[in-house]
Structures are given as C-alpha cells and as structure tokens.
Amino acid sequence: MTKLTWRGAPRLRRLATVSLIAVAAAVVTGRAGLLLLAAPALAVLAISRGRPGLAAVEIAAVPSATRCFEDEDVELTVTVTAPQDLDEIMVEFEPADTVALVSGAQTVVHGDHAEVHWVLRPTIWGRRTPGRIGVRCRSRGIWQADLHLNGPALDIFPHPPPTRTWLVPAELRRRIGDHTARSPGGGVEFSGIREYVPGDRLRDLNWAVSSRRGRLHTNQRAAERAADLIVMIDGFSAVGPPGYSSLDVSVRGAAAIAHAYLGAGDRVGAVVLGGMLRWLSPGASRRQFYQIAEMLFDIWTGSAVTPDLDRVPRTALPPGALVILFTPLLDQRVIGAVTDLRERGFALVVVDVLRHEPPVTSRSEMSSLALRLWRLDREALRVSLAGLGVPVVSWPDDQALDAALAPMHRVMAVARRP
C-alpha cells in the first residue's frame, strides 16, 4: 500500500504569482486600487488554504495471481481510496516490454474511490515487474498529487511445449513407472514366450505355440519401471534477442522435459552451469516442477567461474541417471563438464539450442570463409562428442522439441565408461 504527498497544482502557482505581482505593484506605485486585482486570487487562496490531508490517499495494486505461465492472462486491480471527494482521480498503466496489455485503459474518476482493472499477458519467463502504474489526484482545483510506482512482481514460469518421454536411460529404477524395462514383470509390453509354470495366469497362455509344441507356453511381459532424469542448463551464454535467446530456449526445453517426465512418474532433478553452481536433487512430485522453475529464475550469464561438478552431491546426480544438457555449445567449460560426466559413467544427451549464426558484416570472401570455418568447427565438436558416446540433437526454430527428440526414440545410452 502506497500513500500520496500533495503539492500545489499549476493553477495554485499561477494564482500565487498573480497575487504577488498585484501586491508588489500596489506597494511600488502606491495605488491601493491595484490590490483589487489581487483580491479574487487572494480569496481563493484563503478559502483553499491547507492541504487536503497530507498522505491521506492510499493506493493498492493487487494481481489476481502472483504466479503464472507465459502467455497466461493475469488481472491487475489498482484501488485508490481518499477520505474525501476529489475533483479527479486518474489511473494509468504502462506495461513493460515483456508484457502485453490485453484489456484496460486510462481511467478518470470523480469522487473518493477508484478501482481500475487491467488484463495482462506476460510473454517472457522470469521474476519480473509487469509495468509502471501512474496515479494523479486533484483536489479543490489547486492541489494535486502524482505518483509512479512499479507493479507487483510476478513469477512467470516458462511455458513447457508438448513433449513425450522419448529418451530412456539404460538403468531404470526399481519403481513402478511408464517405461518398458528389459527385465520381465507385470507390464503390458510383450517381451517373449516361455514354458508354463504353475501359478501363471491362464489368460497369458499362448495357445498357438502350446498346440504346436505340445506343451503349455505363456506370454511374457516386460516390467514397467521409472527413470531418474537430470536436466542441465548452460547458463554461460545467451545468444539471440530477449525472449528467444539460447538461454530462453534452454529454459523452455528444460521445463518441457521436466513436465513430461514428472507426469510419467519419473524423478527429475536440475543442475545449472554458470555463475554459482546450483542443483536440485531429483524428485517425483508435481511440486518439483515449480521448484525447478524457481531455481531457473536466478540464472545469470557472464560468469568467469569454471563449474566443479565434483561439488554436486551424489543425491543430485544419482548413478544411472540420464542427463539432458541444453546448451549452444559455445563455451569450452561446458564441453569440459560434458567430458567429465561421461568419464564418470553418466549417460548424456546434448540438445543444441543455438539458432543464430554469427552475423556476416560484409559479403567478402574472407567473411564467408570465416563463417564456413565456424560451421566446420561446430561439426567437428559434434563428431568428437559422438565419439565419446554423447549424441547431439539439434533443435531448430521451426521444429518442436518433441520432433527433435523423436529420432532418439528407443536409443538406450549405456552408462559406462567409454
């Protein structure tokens, strides 16, 4: 809640100026008649003397929700309350660059109460202020108060694009889940045929094979197990325009992976490379998604610190977990972290989120040659990572993450030292 401080309006200053000039002229010239020119202004000043309750007008800005997703509408309500009727209460809102104004406009009210509603649509994730609120009050025609304040901060979560759980680690946990394991169990996926053992369900009998071999055989099912997944984000660089940079793409991709796998009953954790090394141990609840998103709010680029993955506790990087790294592959420290994780036996998948090539300033042969060398260097990096057993998946701008990961379907990355 914010309070206003009153001051003289331009009309008050004009009246005071006219009165002062008339009185000064009367004193200098000795003509008392000139005081008649100042009489109306002095009368208005005498009647309107005293401010209309210093800091008496209260302002409150309340959003309908302090947490929302990208492109989700939020209603902002601004209430102005005065102890007495005012000549004018004007309320306006200037949205930030990361917020779209869906409905609502500047409002002018006469009285002691004003309530204004705006519908906002945040477009970029993060902990952000939706915009600035401006309030102007006028009283008795000669007093006014102006105030500009920031709107209440909103936690805007990245909108996870639709994604399926394509990638499955080789070592599944001994928990019931949606992934088909290589061990037999009570799932629905067919895994083979074996001879009948007393206690098998009759509905699993394979009569065609039993009649052909002369002995009872049953269908064998694969077990359904859960997985441990770690989403890792490269926070060392952000290439591209705000809202569509490589860091923004990485955050949305990590949110999509976390949302999909948590919905399948898997455990998902997060590690952020860049600045202070931060991590979140794997969890299986829906609350885990919001904890991961809140941890991503504190990402900042430009760090000169090399991440030391040995500091990450064993509970944050459990053995057998699949690590999905979102990175533009521009910082050598990230490549070193990938090599370190692979040498420690983790299965990794790298998602290349770079969507903007270096700009070519001229059409000279040297500029074209430099761009070709840059492309060859990136291709050599991808080949070297593939040689370590780390597949690299490109995520272009015109393709959904689900489609980018589809070629990796059923690819089981064995977690062992290369």
Foldseek 3Di string as FASTA:
>chain_A
DFFWFKDWDPVLVVLVVQLVVLVVVCVVVVPPVSNVSNVVSVVLCVVPPDDPDGRQKDKDKDKPDQEEAAQDKIKIKIKIFGPWWFQKKWKAWDFDPQKDWDDFGIDIDTTGMDMGMTIIGGHAAAFDFGTKMWIWTHHSNTMMTIDIDTHDTHGYFYDADAAADQDAALDFDPAAWADFHQAWDPDDAFDAKDFDDPPDDPVQWDVVVCVVVVGIMGTIGTGGGAAEAEEEEELADWDDDPRQTLRRVSRNHVLNNVVNRLVRQHWYKYWYPADDTDIGFTDNDPVVSVVVRVVSNPRHYDDPDQDDCVPPDCRRVPPRYEYEYRDLPPDVSVVVVLVVQLQVQHHYEYENSDADQDDQPDPDPVSVVVSVVVVVVVVVVQVVCVVQQYHYFYDYPVDDPNVRCVVCGPPHRGRDHD
